[in-house]
Amino acid sequence: MGLCKNDRSSYRSSVGGSAGSAFGTLRPVSDQNRRLVYSSEGGAIDPPVSERPSRAKPRPALLPEDGVIRITRERRRASSASVIYGLPEAELVPTAKALKQLCGSGGTVKNGTIEIQGDHRERIVAWFAARGTRAKLAGG
């Protein structure tokens, strides 16, 4: 066990055992019942962020980049959202603003896509068709 003479932390008190000691008798504690609770010597216990394995999985390109704009519906908790893929980066913000006004709902631009709250797929396809852009419904 590797105990020192003055190492009281390695002994467990057995209260009420001996009449000679106010704290009872001390008996050794086995090494398997020990565990490190706190130490100021080791610094951070977790490895640095650069050495941690990445949790984000690389996503393969789900849709081809063929110039066709695809509009899908995604379920979000109790509601749904219309998601538009295939627009160039420069057109994302102005198109999102126009679609939010057209549909009368909120939305955002995330990761190269436009998300409009609610199921407005048919209205969005008609809006792109009126501007001469090829768009189609994709997914379910």
Protein backbone atom coordinates (compact mmCIF):
# COMPACT_ATOMS: atom_id res chain seq x y z
CA MET A 1 0.00 0.00 0.00
CA GLY A 2 2.94 2.37 0.36
CA LEU A 3 1.82 4.24 3.47
CA CYS A 4 3.82 6.78 5.47
CA LYS A 5 3.81 6.98 9.22
CA ASN A 6 2.00 10.34 9.27
CA ASP A 7 -0.29 9.70 6.30
CA ARG A 8 -3.72 9.84 7.98
CA SER A 9 -5.53 10.07 4.61
CA SER A 10 -4.66 6.46 3.89
CA TYR A 11 -6.54 5.23 6.94
CA ARG A 12 -10.26 4.97 7.42
CA SER A 13 -11.67 5.70 10.82
CA SER A 14 -13.76 3.03 12.43
CA VAL A 15 -15.81 5.15 14.85
CA GLY A 16 -16.90 3.57 18.08
CA GLY A 17 -14.30 0.80 17.98
CA SER A 18 -11.67 1.46 20.61
CA ALA A 19 -12.01 3.15 23.95
CA GLY A 20 -8.44 4.43 23.74
CA SER A 21 -9.02 6.85 20.86
CA ALA A 22 -11.60 9.61 20.62
CA PHE A 23 -11.94 8.95 16.87
CA GLY A 24 -11.96 5.19 16.96
CA THR A 25 -9.34 2.89 15.48
CA LEU A 26 -7.68 3.53 12.14
CA ARG A 27 -7.42 0.79 9.56
CA PRO A 28 -5.67 0.89 6.18
CA VAL A 29 -7.67 1.53 3.00
CA SER A 30 -6.88 -0.56 -0.06
CA ASP A 31 -5.54 1.13 -3.22
CA GLN A 32 -8.52 0.04 -5.32
CA ASN A 33 -10.88 2.14 -3.15
CA ARG A 34 -8.89 5.31 -3.85
CA ARG A 35 -9.52 7.74 -6.68
CA LEU A 36 -8.23 11.20 -7.53
CA VAL A 37 -10.81 13.83 -6.67
CA TYR A 38 -8.81 17.00 -7.28
CA SER A 39 -5.26 17.85 -8.20
CA SER A 40 -3.68 21.21 -8.94
CA GLU A 41 -0.53 19.67 -10.42
CA GLY A 42 -1.74 18.31 -13.73
CA GLY A 43 -3.42 21.38 -15.22
CA ALA A 44 -6.29 20.70 -17.61
CA ILE A 45 -7.45 17.11 -17.57
CA ASP A 46 -9.02 17.24 -21.03
CA PRO A 47 -6.67 17.13 -24.02
CA PRO A 48 -6.27 20.37 -25.99
CA VAL A 49 -8.97 21.11 -28.56
CA SER A 50 -6.56 20.48 -31.44
CA GLU A 51 -5.99 16.89 -30.24
CA ARG A 52 -9.67 16.02 -29.67
CA PRO A 53 -11.40 13.92 -32.29
CA SER A 54 -13.80 15.91 -34.41
CA ARG A 55 -17.51 15.32 -33.76
CA ALA A 56 -18.63 16.96 -36.98
CA LYS A 57 -18.98 14.45 -39.75
CA PRO A 58 -18.15 15.64 -43.23
CA ARG A 59 -21.33 15.76 -45.28
CA PRO A 60 -21.15 14.65 -48.86
CA ALA A 61 -22.70 16.91 -51.46
CA LEU A 62 -26.36 15.94 -51.30
CA LEU A 63 -27.45 17.75 -54.43
CA PRO A 64 -25.63 18.17 -57.74
CA GLU A 65 -24.55 21.62 -58.88
CA ASP A 66 -26.26 21.60 -62.26
CA GLY A 67 -27.85 25.06 -62.17
CA VAL A 68 -31.25 23.78 -61.04
CA ILE A 69 -32.64 25.28 -57.85
CA ARG A 70 -34.15 22.64 -55.60
CA ILE A 71 -36.79 23.34 -52.97
CA THR A 72 -37.36 20.79 -50.21
CA ARG A 73 -39.44 20.59 -47.06
CA GLU A 74 -37.79 19.70 -43.78
CA ARG A 75 -39.63 18.85 -40.57
CA ARG A 76 -38.65 21.05 -37.63
CA ARG A 77 -40.09 19.92 -34.33
CA ALA A 78 -43.83 20.60 -34.70
CA SER A 79 -43.60 22.62 -37.93
CA SER A 80 -41.84 22.52 -41.27
CA ALA A 81 -39.46 24.70 -43.25
CA SER A 82 -38.92 25.19 -46.99
CA VAL A 83 -35.22 24.91 -47.81
CA ILE A 84 -33.81 26.24 -51.11
CA TYR A 85 -30.56 24.75 -52.46
CA GLY A 86 -28.51 25.58 -55.54
CA LEU A 87 -28.35 29.38 -55.52
CA PRO A 88 -25.05 31.21 -56.01
CA GLU A 89 -23.61 32.80 -52.86
CA ALA A 90 -24.07 36.35 -54.17
CA GLU A 91 -27.83 35.87 -54.65
CA LEU A 92 -28.64 34.26 -51.30
CA VAL A 93 -29.39 37.34 -49.16
CA PRO A 94 -31.49 39.34 -51.70
CA THR A 95 -33.42 36.22 -52.75
CA ALA A 96 -34.08 35.29 -49.11
CA LYS A 97 -35.42 38.77 -48.42
CA ALA A 98 -37.75 38.63 -51.44
CA LEU A 99 -39.00 35.13 -50.56
CA LYS A 100 -39.70 36.07 -46.94
CA GLN A 101 -41.80 39.01 -48.16
CA LEU A 102 -43.57 36.82 -50.72
CA CYS A 103 -44.44 34.11 -48.20
CA GLY A 104 -45.13 36.46 -45.30
CA SER A 105 -42.97 34.46 -42.93
CA GLY A 106 -39.53 34.44 -41.40
CA GLY A 107 -36.44 32.77 -42.68
CA THR A 108 -32.67 32.78 -42.74
CA VAL A 109 -29.60 32.08 -44.85
CA LYS A 110 -27.49 29.20 -43.49
CA ASN A 111 -24.64 27.18 -45.02
CA GLY A 112 -25.35 28.23 -48.60
CA THR A 113 -29.09 27.55 -48.35
CA ILE A 114 -32.20 29.63 -47.71
CA GLU A 115 -34.62 28.43 -45.06
CA ILE A 116 -38.17 29.81 -45.07
CA GLN A 117 -40.46 29.01 -42.15
CA GLY A 118 -43.49 26.97 -43.20
CA ASP A 119 -44.34 24.86 -46.25
CA HIS A 120 -44.33 27.38 -49.14
CA ARG A 121 -42.72 25.18 -51.81
CA GLU A 122 -45.31 25.68 -54.57
CA ARG A 123 -45.31 29.47 -54.11
CA ILE A 124 -41.48 29.56 -54.22
CA VAL A 125 -41.31 27.41 -57.39
CA ALA A 126 -43.84 29.74 -59.07
CA TRP A 127 -41.77 32.78 -58.03
CA PHE A 128 -38.61 31.33 -59.60
CA ALA A 129 -40.54 30.31 -62.76
CA ALA A 130 -41.86 33.88 -63.15
CA ARG A 131 -38.25 35.11 -63.19
CA GLY A 132 -37.15 32.55 -65.76
CA THR A 133 -35.06 30.47 -63.34
CA ARG A 134 -35.33 26.70 -63.44
CA ALA A 135 -36.52 25.40 -60.08
CA LYS A 136 -38.08 22.13 -59.03
CA LEU A 137 -39.48 20.41 -55.96
CA ALA A 138 -37.13 17.89 -54.42
CA GLY A 139 -37.55 15.36 -51.66
CA GLY A 140 -40.84 14.75 -49.84
